[in-house]
């Protein structure tokens, strides 16, 4: 586990003061970037606990499925973008891969127990050379990005030809009865549990942030645009989550 100084903790507290207002319209542009960073700095200490409880531990299974779908050889270098506290990095390491975590939130990185290298950066502007990595993972962060197309373009840029991408994101079940139950849980229960265990405003905002996501056809089209092929979407957890996979096109 990394050792963080009192100065590090003070820095987190200093920026964790402008959470998204759940009663206001969803923020956009630089306001969204600042609000998302502040929110994750704030909820970092109990982020993993809340995730395990709210997903009934299924998030662990979903990440492991994503790692398998990468289908990369041992030792392959994988960027975990929006890595949070490093759960994906741990799963990648256990699979024999070489993960590097990147996140905008210093609070999340400071709370990460992973031994993987961690970098604080905007994942739409990666500090990495072109064609530098074999794989990319990203867990439940698409709706928090200011520019989704810039993210897909950066992912395509840093992946070598033939490299693999695996992205997890929330979804809504296709069957009506499941979709209604999921809506009640996601919009009512999640804010309640999140408020009891962490920060109420943050977990009122997170369900609303799904509105940032484009529809499925548009999402897959935008993923393919910068040079991805074999783009596939799989629903997980009865449709509560989705896994997007793709391969970087070869010349």
C-alpha atoms as a PDB file:
ATOM      1  CA  UNK A   1       0.000   0.000   0.000  1.00  0.00           C
ATOM      2  CA  UNK A   2       1.237   3.448  -0.862  1.00  0.00           C
ATOM      3  CA  UNK A   3       2.243   5.837   1.933  1.00  0.00           C
ATOM      4  CA  UNK A   4       0.693   9.285   1.504  1.00  0.00           C
ATOM      5  CA  UNK A   5       1.752  12.376   3.398  1.00  0.00           C
ATOM      6  CA  UNK A   6      -0.401  14.833   5.336  1.00  0.00           C
ATOM      7  CA  UNK A   7       0.225  17.277   2.490  1.00  0.00           C
ATOM      8  CA  UNK A   8      -1.375  14.792   0.074  1.00  0.00           C
ATOM      9  CA  UNK A   9      -4.469  14.466   2.272  1.00  0.00           C
ATOM     10  CA  UNK A  10      -4.742  18.240   2.618  1.00  0.00           C
ATOM     11  CA  UNK A  11      -4.650  18.568  -1.137  1.00  0.00           C
ATOM     12  CA  UNK A  12      -7.566  16.180  -1.489  1.00  0.00           C
ATOM     13  CA  UNK A  13      -9.592  18.066   1.123  1.00  0.00           C
ATOM     14  CA  UNK A  14      -8.839  21.368  -0.569  1.00  0.00           C
ATOM     15  CA  UNK A  15     -10.300  20.344  -3.921  1.00  0.00           C
ATOM     16  CA  UNK A  16     -13.219  18.350  -2.516  1.00  0.00           C
ATOM     17  CA  UNK A  17     -15.596  21.232  -2.107  1.00  0.00           C
ATOM     18  CA  UNK A  18     -17.624  21.665  -5.286  1.00  0.00           C
ATOM     19  CA  UNK A  19     -19.774  18.566  -5.682  1.00  0.00           C
ATOM     20  CA  UNK A  20     -22.409  18.531  -8.443  1.00  0.00           C
ATOM     21  CA  UNK A  21     -25.643  20.098  -7.247  1.00  0.00           C
ATOM     22  CA  UNK A  22     -28.232  17.298  -7.607  1.00  0.00           C
ATOM     23  CA  UNK A  23     -31.045  19.845  -7.938  1.00  0.00           C
ATOM     24  CA  UNK A  24     -29.362  21.770 -10.782  1.00  0.00           C
ATOM     25  CA  UNK A  25     -29.020  20.837 -14.475  1.00  0.00           C
ATOM     26  CA  UNK A  26     -26.184  18.434 -15.210  1.00  0.00           C
ATOM     27  CA  UNK A  27     -22.903  20.316 -15.599  1.00  0.00           C
ATOM     28  CA  UNK A  28     -21.035  20.443 -18.912  1.00  0.00           C
ATOM     29  CA  UNK A  29     -17.546  21.331 -20.131  1.00  0.00           C
ATOM     30  CA  UNK A  30     -15.004  22.523 -17.593  1.00  0.00           C
ATOM     31  CA  UNK A  31     -17.715  22.710 -14.909  1.00  0.00           C
ATOM     32  CA  UNK A  32     -18.390  19.017 -15.350  1.00  0.00           C
ATOM     33  CA  UNK A  33     -14.679  18.127 -15.220  1.00  0.00           C
ATOM     34  CA  UNK A  34     -14.197  20.082 -11.979  1.00  0.00           C
ATOM     35  CA  UNK A  35     -17.364  18.683 -10.406  1.00  0.00           C
ATOM     36  CA  UNK A  36     -16.528  15.072 -11.273  1.00  0.00           C
ATOM     37  CA  UNK A  37     -12.986  15.403  -9.951  1.00  0.00           C
ATOM     38  CA  UNK A  38     -14.198  16.959  -6.711  1.00  0.00           C
ATOM     39  CA  UNK A  39     -16.901  14.317  -6.297  1.00  0.00           C
ATOM     40  CA  UNK A  40     -14.509  11.380  -6.647  1.00  0.00           C
ATOM     41  CA  UNK A  41     -11.948  13.030  -4.374  1.00  0.00           C
ATOM     42  CA  UNK A  42     -14.717  13.211  -1.770  1.00  0.00           C
ATOM     43  CA  UNK A  43     -16.098   9.668  -2.034  1.00  0.00           C
ATOM     44  CA  UNK A  44     -12.734   7.903  -2.482  1.00  0.00           C
ATOM     45  CA  UNK A  45     -12.341   6.609   1.134  1.00  0.00           C
ATOM     46  CA  UNK A  46     -15.478   4.431   0.967  1.00  0.00           C
ATOM     47  CA  UNK A  47     -15.805   4.036  -2.792  1.00  0.00           C
ATOM     48  CA  UNK A  48     -14.907   0.332  -2.898  1.00  0.00           C
ATOM     49  CA  UNK A  49     -17.173  -0.539   0.044  1.00  0.00           C
ATOM     50  CA  UNK A  50     -20.167   1.224  -1.501  1.00  0.00           C
ATOM     51  CA  UNK A  51     -19.532  -0.445  -4.870  1.00  0.00           C
ATOM     52  CA  UNK A  52     -19.438  -3.924  -3.353  1.00  0.00           C
ATOM     53  CA  UNK A  53     -22.692  -3.334  -1.478  1.00  0.00           C
ATOM     54  CA  UNK A  54     -24.615  -1.647  -4.298  1.00  0.00           C
ATOM     55  CA  UNK A  55     -23.644  -4.220  -6.956  1.00  0.00           C
ATOM     56  CA  UNK A  56     -23.921  -7.187  -4.570  1.00  0.00           C
ATOM     57  CA  UNK A  57     -20.304  -7.944  -5.448  1.00  0.00           C
ATOM     58  CA  UNK A  58     -21.095  -8.382  -9.147  1.00  0.00           C
ATOM     59  CA  UNK A  59     -18.670  -5.608 -10.109  1.00  0.00           C
ATOM     60  CA  UNK A  60     -15.834  -8.032  -9.271  1.00  0.00           C
ATOM     61  CA  UNK A  61     -17.196 -10.602 -11.729  1.00  0.00           C
ATOM     62  CA  UNK A  62     -17.739  -7.948 -14.402  1.00  0.00           C
ATOM     63  CA  UNK A  63     -14.153  -6.701 -14.210  1.00  0.00           C
ATOM     64  CA  UNK A  64     -12.772 -10.230 -14.454  1.00  0.00           C
ATOM     65  CA  UNK A  65     -14.947 -10.853 -17.500  1.00  0.00           C
ATOM     66  CA  UNK A  66     -13.523  -7.685 -19.086  1.00  0.00           C
ATOM     67  CA  UNK A  67      -9.961  -8.832 -18.406  1.00  0.00           C
ATOM     68  CA  UNK A  68     -10.674 -12.193 -20.064  1.00  0.00           C
ATOM     69  CA  UNK A  69     -12.179 -10.439 -23.076  1.00  0.00           C
ATOM     70  CA  UNK A  70      -8.916  -8.559 -23.630  1.00  0.00           C
ATOM     71  CA  UNK A  71      -7.399 -11.915 -24.580  1.00  0.00           C
ATOM     72  CA  UNK A  72      -3.833 -10.617 -24.247  1.00  0.00           C
ATOM     73  CA  UNK A  73      -0.656 -12.628 -23.596  1.00  0.00           C
ATOM     74  CA  UNK A  74       1.107 -12.581 -20.229  1.00  0.00           C
ATOM     75  CA  UNK A  75       3.231  -9.498 -19.717  1.00  0.00           C
ATOM     76  CA  UNK A  76       1.155  -7.294 -22.032  1.00  0.00           C
ATOM     77  CA  UNK A  77       0.984  -3.640 -20.952  1.00  0.00           C
ATOM     78  CA  UNK A  78      -2.537  -2.430 -20.174  1.00  0.00           C
ATOM     79  CA  UNK A  79      -3.657   1.088 -19.312  1.00  0.00           C
ATOM     80  CA  UNK A  80      -6.536   1.144 -16.851  1.00  0.00           C
ATOM     81  CA  UNK A  81      -8.185   4.492 -17.521  1.00  0.00           C
ATOM     82  CA  UNK A  82     -10.224   6.178 -14.783  1.00  0.00           C
ATOM     83  CA  UNK A  83      -8.647   3.537 -12.566  1.00  0.00           C
ATOM     84  CA  UNK A  84     -10.089   4.866  -9.307  1.00  0.00           C
ATOM     85  CA  UNK A  85      -8.684   2.895  -6.390  1.00  0.00           C
ATOM     86  CA  UNK A  86      -7.080   0.301  -8.642  1.00  0.00           C
ATOM     87  CA  UNK A  87      -9.481  -2.657  -8.606  1.00  0.00           C
ATOM     88  CA  UNK A  88      -9.052  -3.233 -12.336  1.00  0.00           C
ATOM     89  CA  UNK A  89      -5.268  -2.966 -11.944  1.00  0.00           C
ATOM     90  CA  UNK A  90      -5.364  -5.753  -9.368  1.00  0.00           C
ATOM     91  CA  UNK A  91      -7.418  -8.001 -11.638  1.00  0.00           C
ATOM     92  CA  UNK A  92      -5.084  -7.305 -14.557  1.00  0.00           C
ATOM     93  CA  UNK A  93      -2.049  -8.117 -12.429  1.00  0.00           C
ATOM     94  CA  UNK A  94      -3.570 -11.391 -11.255  1.00  0.00           C
ATOM     95  CA  UNK A  95      -4.100 -12.313 -14.913  1.00  0.00           C
ATOM     96  CA  UNK A  96      -0.365 -11.903 -15.565  1.00  0.00           C
ATOM     97  CA  UNK A  97      -0.669  -8.544 -17.325  1.00  0.00           C
ATOM     98  CA  UNK A  98       1.254  -5.328 -16.588  1.00  0.00           C
ATOM     99  CA  UNK A  99      -1.237  -2.606 -15.605  1.00  0.00           C
ATOM    100  CA  UNK A 100      -0.722   1.149 -15.342  1.00  0.00           C
ATOM    101  CA  UNK A 101      -3.540   3.141 -13.751  1.00  0.00           C
ATOM    102  CA  UNK A 102      -4.568   6.646 -14.840  1.00  0.00           C
ATOM    103  CA  UNK A 103      -7.143   8.820 -13.081  1.00  0.00           C
ATOM    104  CA  UNK A 104      -8.035  12.508 -12.846  1.00  0.00           C
ATOM    105  CA  UNK A 105      -8.894  12.264  -9.145  1.00  0.00           C
ATOM    106  CA  UNK A 106      -5.951  12.528  -6.791  1.00  0.00           C
ATOM    107  CA  UNK A 107      -8.202  11.381  -3.958  1.00  0.00           C
ATOM    108  CA  UNK A 108      -8.910   8.083  -5.699  1.00  0.00           C
ATOM    109  CA  UNK A 109      -5.227   7.505  -6.427  1.00  0.00           C
ATOM    110  CA  UNK A 110      -4.319   8.349  -2.832  1.00  0.00           C
ATOM    111  CA  UNK A 111      -6.801   5.723  -1.609  1.00  0.00           C
ATOM    112  CA  UNK A 112      -5.582   3.028  -4.018  1.00  0.00           C
ATOM    113  CA  UNK A 113      -3.948   0.007  -2.342  1.00  0.00           C
ATOM    114  CA  UNK A 114      -2.648  -1.385  -5.640  1.00  0.00           C
ATOM    115  CA  UNK A 115       1.088  -1.765  -6.272  1.00  0.00           C
ATOM    116  CA  UNK A 116       0.611  -0.914  -9.966  1.00  0.00           C
ATOM    117  CA  UNK A 117       2.125   2.357 -11.239  1.00  0.00           C
ATOM    118  CA  UNK A 118      -0.431   5.184 -11.031  1.00  0.00           C
ATOM    119  CA  UNK A 119      -0.579   8.450 -12.966  1.00  0.00           C
ATOM    120  CA  UNK A 120      -2.776  11.483 -12.375  1.00  0.00           C
ATOM    121  CA  UNK A 121      -4.002  12.737 -15.759  1.00  0.00           C
ATOM    122  CA  UNK A 122      -7.028  13.558 -17.876  1.00  0.00           C
ATOM    123  CA  UNK A 123      -7.779  10.354 -19.808  1.00  0.00           C
ATOM    124  CA  UNK A 124      -8.837  12.367 -22.854  1.00  0.00           C
ATOM    125  CA  UNK A 125      -5.264  13.731 -23.016  1.00  0.00           C
ATOM    126  CA  UNK A 126      -3.015  10.829 -22.093  1.00  0.00           C
ATOM    127  CA  UNK A 127       0.686  11.397 -21.312  1.00  0.00           C
ATOM    128  CA  UNK A 128       1.661   8.365 -23.396  1.00  0.00           C
ATOM    129  CA  UNK A 129       3.284   7.865 -26.824  1.00  0.00           C
ATOM    130  CA  UNK A 130       1.263   6.599 -29.753  1.00  0.00           C
ATOM    131  CA  UNK A 131       0.958   2.820 -30.131  1.00  0.00           C
ATOM    132  CA  UNK A 132       2.569   2.344 -26.707  1.00  0.00           C
ATOM    133  CA  UNK A 133       0.274  -0.217 -25.032  1.00  0.00           C
ATOM    134  CA  UNK A 134      -1.325  -3.571 -25.769  1.00  0.00           C
ATOM    135  CA  UNK A 135      -4.634  -3.067 -24.026  1.00  0.00           C
ATOM    136  CA  UNK A 136      -6.956  -0.590 -22.345  1.00  0.00           C
ATOM    137  CA  UNK A 137      -9.599  -1.075 -19.671  1.00  0.00           C
ATOM    138  CA  UNK A 138     -12.012   1.478 -18.268  1.00  0.00           C
ATOM    139  CA  UNK A 139     -14.646   0.903 -15.618  1.00  0.00           C
ATOM    140  CA  UNK A 140     -17.875   2.914 -15.352  1.00  0.00           C
ATOM    141  CA  UNK A 141     -16.401   6.252 -16.418  1.00  0.00           C
ATOM    142  CA  UNK A 142     -17.788   7.063 -19.877  1.00  0.00           C
ATOM    143  CA  UNK A 143     -20.660   9.107 -18.450  1.00  0.00           C
ATOM    144  CA  UNK A 144     -18.213  11.171 -16.397  1.00  0.00           C
ATOM    145  CA  UNK A 145     -16.165  12.327 -19.386  1.00  0.00           C
ATOM    146  CA  UNK A 146     -16.456  15.789 -20.870  1.00  0.00           C
ATOM    147  CA  UNK A 147     -15.650  14.586 -24.404  1.00  0.00           C
ATOM    148  CA  UNK A 148     -16.474  10.969 -25.233  1.00  0.00           C
ATOM    149  CA  UNK A 149     -15.112  11.199 -28.787  1.00  0.00           C
ATOM    150  CA  UNK A 150     -11.784  12.539 -27.507  1.00  0.00           C
ATOM    151  CA  UNK A 151     -11.543   9.567 -25.149  1.00  0.00           C
ATOM    152  CA  UNK A 152     -12.118   7.019 -27.922  1.00  0.00           C
ATOM    153  CA  UNK A 153      -9.617   8.856 -30.146  1.00  0.00           C
ATOM    154  CA  UNK A 154      -6.965   8.832 -27.404  1.00  0.00           C
ATOM    155  CA  UNK A 155      -7.564   5.147 -26.757  1.00  0.00           C
ATOM    156  CA  UNK A 156      -7.068   4.431 -30.450  1.00  0.00           C
ATOM    157  CA  UNK A 157      -3.923   6.563 -30.521  1.00  0.00           C
ATOM    158  CA  UNK A 158      -2.081   4.861 -27.663  1.00  0.00           C
ATOM    159  CA  UNK A 159      -3.098   1.296 -28.569  1.00  0.00           C
ATOM    160  CA  UNK A 160      -0.840  -0.646 -30.899  1.00  0.00           C
ATOM    161  CA  UNK A 161      -2.505  -2.125 -34.011  1.00  0.00           C
ATOM    162  CA  UNK A 162      -4.295  -5.281 -32.891  1.00  0.00           C
ATOM    163  CA  UNK A 163      -4.479  -4.022 -29.306  1.00  0.00           C
ATOM    164  CA  UNK A 164      -7.647  -4.588 -27.317  1.00  0.00           C
ATOM    165  CA  UNK A 165     -10.106  -2.335 -25.491  1.00  0.00           C
ATOM    166  CA  UNK A 166     -12.590  -3.414 -22.791  1.00  0.00           C
ATOM    167  CA  UNK A 167     -14.926  -0.828 -21.266  1.00  0.00           C
ATOM    168  CA  UNK A 168     -17.541  -1.379 -18.554  1.00  0.00           C
ATOM    169  CA  UNK A 169     -20.450   1.019 -18.122  1.00  0.00           C
ATOM    170  CA  UNK A 170     -23.911   1.044 -16.578  1.00  0.00           C
ATOM    171  CA  UNK A 171     -26.901   0.074 -18.714  1.00  0.00           C
ATOM    172  CA  UNK A 172     -30.640  -0.535 -18.419  1.00  0.00           C
ATOM    173  CA  UNK A 173     -32.233  -3.981 -18.789  1.00  0.00           C
ATOM    174  CA  UNK A 174     -34.077  -4.577 -22.054  1.00  0.00           C
ATOM    175  CA  UNK A 175     -37.024  -6.447 -20.491  1.00  0.00           C
ATOM    176  CA  UNK A 176     -39.672  -4.040 -19.194  1.00  0.00           C
ATOM    177  CA  UNK A 177     -40.171  -5.597 -15.759  1.00  0.00           C
ATOM    178  CA  UNK A 178     -36.428  -5.709 -15.116  1.00  0.00           C
ATOM    179  CA  UNK A 179     -35.989  -2.157 -16.410  1.00  0.00           C
ATOM    180  CA  UNK A 180     -38.645  -0.835 -14.010  1.00  0.00           C
ATOM    181  CA  UNK A 181     -37.094  -2.624 -11.036  1.00  0.00           C
ATOM    182  CA  UNK A 182     -33.627  -1.459 -12.030  1.00  0.00           C
ATOM    183  CA  UNK A 183     -34.871   2.134 -12.323  1.00  0.00           C
ATOM    184  CA  UNK A 184     -36.289   2.067  -8.804  1.00  0.00           C
ATOM    185  CA  UNK A 185     -33.107   0.544  -7.394  1.00  0.00           C
ATOM    186  CA  UNK A 186     -30.693   2.804  -9.280  1.00  0.00           C
ATOM    187  CA  UNK A 187     -32.579   6.046  -8.714  1.00  0.00           C
ATOM    188  CA  UNK A 188     -33.937   5.460  -5.187  1.00  0.00           C
ATOM    189  CA  UNK A 189     -31.900   2.823  -3.369  1.00  0.00           C
ATOM    190  CA  UNK A 190     -28.431   3.780  -4.653  1.00  0.00           C
ATOM    191  CA  UNK A 191     -28.687   7.412  -3.421  1.00  0.00           C
ATOM    192  CA  UNK A 192     -30.020   6.183  -0.064  1.00  0.00           C
ATOM    193  CA  UNK A 193     -27.226   3.649   0.493  1.00  0.00           C
ATOM    194  CA  UNK A 194     -24.584   6.013  -0.852  1.00  0.00           C
ATOM    195  CA  UNK A 195     -25.834   8.763   1.435  1.00  0.00           C
ATOM    196  CA  UNK A 196     -25.706   6.525   4.503  1.00  0.00           C
ATOM    197  CA  UNK A 197     -22.209   5.211   3.801  1.00  0.00           C
ATOM    198  CA  UNK A 198     -20.562   8.062   1.925  1.00  0.00           C
ATOM    199  CA  UNK A 199     -21.841  11.338   0.410  1.00  0.00           C
ATOM    200  CA  UNK A 200     -25.536  11.846  -0.314  1.00  0.00           C
ATOM    201  CA  UNK A 201     -25.149  14.483  -3.032  1.00  0.00           C
ATOM    202  CA  UNK A 202     -22.561  12.423  -4.917  1.00  0.00           C
ATOM    203  CA  UNK A 203     -24.786   9.356  -5.003  1.00  0.00           C
ATOM    204  CA  UNK A 204     -27.788  11.422  -6.035  1.00  0.00           C
ATOM    205  CA  UNK A 205     -25.733  12.747  -8.949  1.00  0.00           C
ATOM    206  CA  UNK A 206     -24.349   9.403 -10.164  1.00  0.00           C
ATOM    207  CA  UNK A 207     -27.723   7.925 -11.283  1.00  0.00           C
ATOM    208  CA  UNK A 208     -28.522  11.187 -13.115  1.00  0.00           C
ATOM    209  CA  UNK A 209     -25.182  11.041 -14.936  1.00  0.00           C
ATOM    210  CA  UNK A 210     -26.498   8.171 -17.094  1.00  0.00           C
ATOM    211  CA  UNK A 211     -28.223  10.898 -19.115  1.00  0.00           C
ATOM    212  CA  UNK A 212     -24.790  11.796 -20.517  1.00  0.00           C
ATOM    213  CA  UNK A 213     -24.573   8.451 -22.336  1.00  0.00           C
ATOM    214  CA  UNK A 214     -25.660   8.305 -25.986  1.00  0.00           C
ATOM    215  CA  UNK A 215     -27.980   5.544 -27.161  1.00  0.00           C
ATOM    216  CA  UNK A 216     -26.423   2.177 -27.957  1.00  0.00           C
ATOM    217  CA  UNK A 217     -26.198   2.609 -31.736  1.00  0.00           C
ATOM    218  CA  UNK A 218     -24.591   6.031 -31.424  1.00  0.00           C
ATOM    219  CA  UNK A 219     -22.202   4.817 -28.717  1.00  0.00           C
ATOM    220  CA  UNK A 220     -20.936   1.891 -30.805  1.00  0.00           C
ATOM    221  CA  UNK A 221     -20.642   4.063 -33.917  1.00  0.00           C
ATOM    222  CA  UNK A 222     -18.561   6.615 -32.050  1.00  0.00           C
ATOM    223  CA  UNK A 223     -16.334   3.888 -30.612  1.00  0.00           C
ATOM    224  CA  UNK A 224     -15.635   2.477 -34.085  1.00  0.00           C
ATOM    225  CA  UNK A 225     -14.962   5.887 -35.680  1.00  0.00           C
ATOM    226  CA  UNK A 226     -11.311   6.487 -34.634  1.00  0.00           C
ATOM    227  CA  UNK A 227     -10.096   3.101 -35.841  1.00  0.00           C
ATOM    228  CA  UNK A 228     -11.664   0.259 -33.873  1.00  0.00           C
ATOM    229  CA  UNK A 229     -13.068  -2.895 -35.384  1.00  0.00           C
ATOM    230  CA  UNK A 230     -14.759  -6.028 -33.978  1.00  0.00           C
ATOM    231  CA  UNK A 231     -16.821  -3.695 -31.782  1.00  0.00           C
ATOM    232  CA  UNK A 232     -19.114  -5.728 -29.551  1.00  0.00           C
ATOM    233  CA  UNK A 233     -21.521  -5.015 -26.701  1.00  0.00           C
ATOM    234  CA  UNK A 234     -22.543  -7.534 -24.040  1.00  0.00           C
ATOM    235  CA  UNK A 235     -25.109  -6.970 -21.288  1.00  0.00           C
ATOM    236  CA  UNK A 236     -24.151  -8.131 -17.798  1.00  0.00           C
ATOM    237  CA  UNK A 237     -26.031  -8.554 -14.547  1.00  0.00           C
ATOM    238  CA  UNK A 238     -29.424  -8.906 -16.211  1.00  0.00           C
ATOM    239  CA  UNK A 239     -28.748  -5.740 -18.203  1.00  0.00           C
ATOM    240  CA  UNK A 240     -27.616  -3.523 -15.322  1.00  0.00           C
ATOM    241  CA  UNK A 241     -24.171  -3.171 -16.897  1.00  0.00           C
ATOM    242  CA  UNK A 242     -22.644  -3.364 -20.351  1.00  0.00           C
ATOM    243  CA  UNK A 243     -19.241  -4.458 -21.612  1.00  0.00           C
ATOM    244  CA  UNK A 244     -17.886  -2.851 -24.781  1.00  0.00           C
ATOM    245  CA  UNK A 245     -14.949  -4.556 -26.487  1.00  0.00           C
ATOM    246  CA  UNK A 246     -13.039  -3.649 -29.626  1.00  0.00           C
ATOM    247  CA  UNK A 247      -9.770  -4.232 -31.463  1.00  0.00           C
ATOM    248  CA  UNK A 248      -7.503  -1.491 -32.785  1.00  0.00           C
ATOM    249  CA  UNK A 249      -7.456  -1.656 -36.559  1.00  0.00           C
ATOM    250  CA  UNK A 250      -4.271  -2.706 -38.320  1.00  0.00           C
ATOM    251  CA  UNK A 251      -2.853  -0.575 -41.156  1.00  0.00           C
END
